[in-house]
Amino acid sequence: MTFENLHNDMVAAMKARDKARKAVISTLIADVKKAAIDAGTRDDISEALVDQVILKSQKTAREQLDTCPAERAELKAEYQFAYDVISEYAPKMMSEDEIRAFLKENFAEALATKNKGQVMKAVMPALKGKADGKAINAIVAELCG
């Protein structure tokens, strides 16, 4: 996802008078800008940085949704809406089968050592932002076990 696409979608939401959607997208834009400033790339915001911020926001929204009390229906609906909007922009994650195939193809030597910690150190940088860390951890444990 490019920063320009995110900005254009916010403008479209403003024109459509969709305040809730605009609020979620503008929060994403603010988070991306802050991350870009922190990274020292204020003028040239990379797609990787945008995706990283979106994934972090998606995880936060998921946690809000999971920890929201059931009796707070309107708040839960608000969190669900935010999660759904953020999920539209999140990069597609690899499935468990794709992760398993990727590991067997690219990290066969590391897997042969049966050292889970060593395998995770090698694998995580390669799959960062492409697959869920919990799924990677479970598959590595399975393949090393």
Protein backbone atom coordinates (compact mmCIF):
# COMPACT_ATOMS: atom_id res chain seq x y z
CA MET A 1 0.00 0.00 0.00
CA THR A 2 1.41 3.37 -0.94
CA PHE A 3 1.03 6.47 1.18
CA GLU A 4 -0.59 8.27 -1.78
CA ASN A 5 -3.29 5.58 -2.09
CA LEU A 6 -4.05 5.91 1.61
CA HIS A 7 -4.29 9.69 1.28
CA ASN A 8 -6.52 9.43 -1.81
CA ASP A 9 -8.86 7.04 0.02
CA MET A 10 -9.12 9.51 2.89
CA VAL A 11 -10.06 12.28 0.45
CA ALA A 12 -12.66 9.98 -1.14
CA ALA A 13 -14.14 9.23 2.30
CA MET A 14 -14.29 12.97 3.03
CA LYS A 15 -16.09 13.63 -0.26
CA ALA A 16 -18.52 10.79 0.49
CA ARG A 17 -19.11 12.31 3.96
CA ASP A 18 -18.17 8.99 5.56
CA LYS A 19 -16.86 10.39 8.86
CA ALA A 20 -16.18 7.04 10.53
CA ARG A 21 -14.09 5.69 7.63
CA LYS A 22 -12.28 9.01 7.25
CA ALA A 23 -11.38 8.97 10.95
CA VAL A 24 -9.85 5.49 10.74
CA ILE A 25 -7.87 6.29 7.58
CA SER A 26 -6.65 9.64 8.93
CA THR A 27 -5.42 7.85 12.07
CA LEU A 28 -3.50 5.43 9.84
CA ILE A 29 -2.01 8.36 7.91
CA ALA A 30 -0.96 10.06 11.16
CA ASP A 31 0.66 6.82 12.37
CA VAL A 32 2.51 6.43 9.05
CA LYS A 33 3.74 10.03 9.15
CA LYS A 34 4.97 9.60 12.72
CA ALA A 35 6.79 6.37 11.83
CA ALA A 36 8.34 8.08 8.79
CA ILE A 37 9.60 10.97 10.91
CA ASP A 38 10.99 8.53 13.48
CA ALA A 39 12.74 6.64 10.66
CA GLY A 40 14.09 9.89 9.19
CA THR A 41 12.30 9.43 5.85
CA ARG A 42 9.69 12.14 6.07
CA ASP A 43 9.62 12.99 2.36
CA ASP A 44 10.06 9.53 0.86
CA ILE A 45 7.68 7.15 2.65
CA SER A 46 8.24 3.57 1.46
CA GLU A 47 5.51 0.99 0.91
CA ALA A 48 7.27 -1.29 3.39
CA LEU A 49 6.95 1.34 6.12
CA VAL A 50 3.27 1.92 5.32
CA ASP A 51 2.60 -1.84 5.42
CA GLN A 52 4.49 -2.17 8.70
CA VAL A 53 2.39 0.59 10.32
CA ILE A 54 -0.85 -0.87 8.94
CA LEU A 55 -0.01 -4.31 10.35
CA LYS A 56 0.77 -2.79 13.74
CA SER A 57 -2.51 -0.83 13.69
CA GLN A 58 -4.39 -3.97 12.66
CA LYS A 59 -2.90 -5.89 15.58
CA THR A 60 -3.85 -3.09 17.99
CA ALA A 61 -7.41 -2.97 16.61
CA ARG A 62 -7.67 -6.76 16.98
CA GLU A 63 -6.54 -6.53 20.61
CA GLN A 64 -9.08 -3.75 21.30
CA LEU A 65 -11.81 -5.88 19.78
CA ASP A 66 -10.78 -8.98 21.77
CA THR A 67 -10.58 -7.16 25.12
CA CYS A 68 -13.79 -5.15 24.73
CA PRO A 69 -16.50 -6.30 27.18
CA ALA A 70 -19.47 -7.99 25.51
CA GLU A 71 -21.97 -5.67 27.19
CA ARG A 72 -20.42 -2.64 25.41
CA ALA A 73 -22.08 -3.39 22.06
CA GLU A 74 -21.69 0.09 20.51
CA LEU A 75 -18.00 0.23 21.43
CA LYS A 76 -17.45 -3.28 20.10
CA ALA A 77 -19.15 -2.28 16.81
CA GLU A 78 -16.86 0.77 16.57
CA TYR A 79 -13.76 -1.38 17.14
CA GLN A 80 -15.00 -3.93 14.59
CA PHE A 81 -15.51 -1.19 12.00
CA ALA A 82 -11.99 0.17 12.60
CA TYR A 83 -10.53 -3.34 12.35
CA ASP A 84 -12.40 -4.01 9.09
CA VAL A 85 -11.23 -0.74 7.50
CA ILE A 86 -7.60 -1.33 8.54
CA SER A 87 -7.80 -4.92 7.26
CA GLU A 88 -8.73 -3.61 3.79
CA TYR A 89 -5.31 -1.95 3.63
CA ALA A 90 -3.26 -4.67 5.32
CA PRO A 91 -0.96 -6.70 3.08
CA LYS A 92 -2.08 -10.28 2.47
CA MET A 93 -0.44 -12.72 4.85
CA MET A 94 0.97 -16.09 3.85
CA SER A 95 -1.12 -19.16 4.72
CA GLU A 96 0.28 -21.92 6.93
CA ASP A 97 0.90 -24.12 3.87
CA GLU A 98 2.78 -21.30 2.13
CA ILE A 99 4.90 -20.71 5.25
CA ARG A 100 5.67 -24.44 5.54
CA ALA A 101 6.68 -24.64 1.86
CA PHE A 102 8.79 -21.46 2.13
CA LEU A 103 10.64 -22.81 5.19
CA LYS A 104 11.32 -26.21 3.63
CA GLU A 105 12.54 -24.59 0.42
CA ASN A 106 14.70 -21.78 1.83
CA PHE A 107 15.71 -22.90 5.31
CA ALA A 108 16.26 -26.65 4.98
CA GLU A 109 19.76 -26.45 6.50
CA ALA A 110 18.59 -24.47 9.52
CA LEU A 111 15.65 -26.84 10.04
CA ALA A 112 18.01 -29.81 9.93
CA THR A 113 19.76 -28.50 13.08
CA LYS A 114 16.47 -28.88 15.01
CA ASN A 115 17.47 -25.75 16.99
CA LYS A 116 14.24 -23.76 17.12
CA GLY A 117 15.87 -20.53 18.35
CA GLN A 118 18.46 -20.57 15.59
CA VAL A 119 15.79 -21.30 12.96
CA MET A 120 13.56 -18.46 14.23
CA LYS A 121 16.49 -16.00 14.09
CA ALA A 122 17.10 -16.92 10.46
CA VAL A 123 13.44 -17.07 9.40
CA MET A 124 11.86 -14.00 11.05
CA PRO A 125 13.72 -11.32 9.05
CA ALA A 126 12.78 -13.09 5.79
CA LEU A 127 9.08 -13.33 6.65
CA LYS A 128 8.62 -10.05 8.57
CA GLY A 129 5.39 -8.44 7.41
CA LYS A 130 4.56 -11.38 5.15
CA ALA A 131 3.33 -13.90 7.71
CA ASP A 132 1.95 -13.95 11.24
CA GLY A 133 4.68 -14.48 13.85
CA LYS A 134 2.55 -16.88 15.90
CA ALA A 135 1.92 -19.06 12.83
CA ILE A 136 5.63 -19.06 11.96
CA ASN A 137 6.52 -20.02 15.54
CA ALA A 138 4.03 -22.91 15.56
CA ILE A 139 5.24 -24.26 12.20
CA VAL A 140 8.92 -23.99 13.18
CA ALA A 141 8.17 -25.84 16.45
CA GLU A 142 6.36 -28.53 14.46
CA LEU A 143 9.18 -28.91 11.92
CA CYS A 144 11.92 -28.91 14.59
CA GLY A 145 10.07 -31.25 16.94
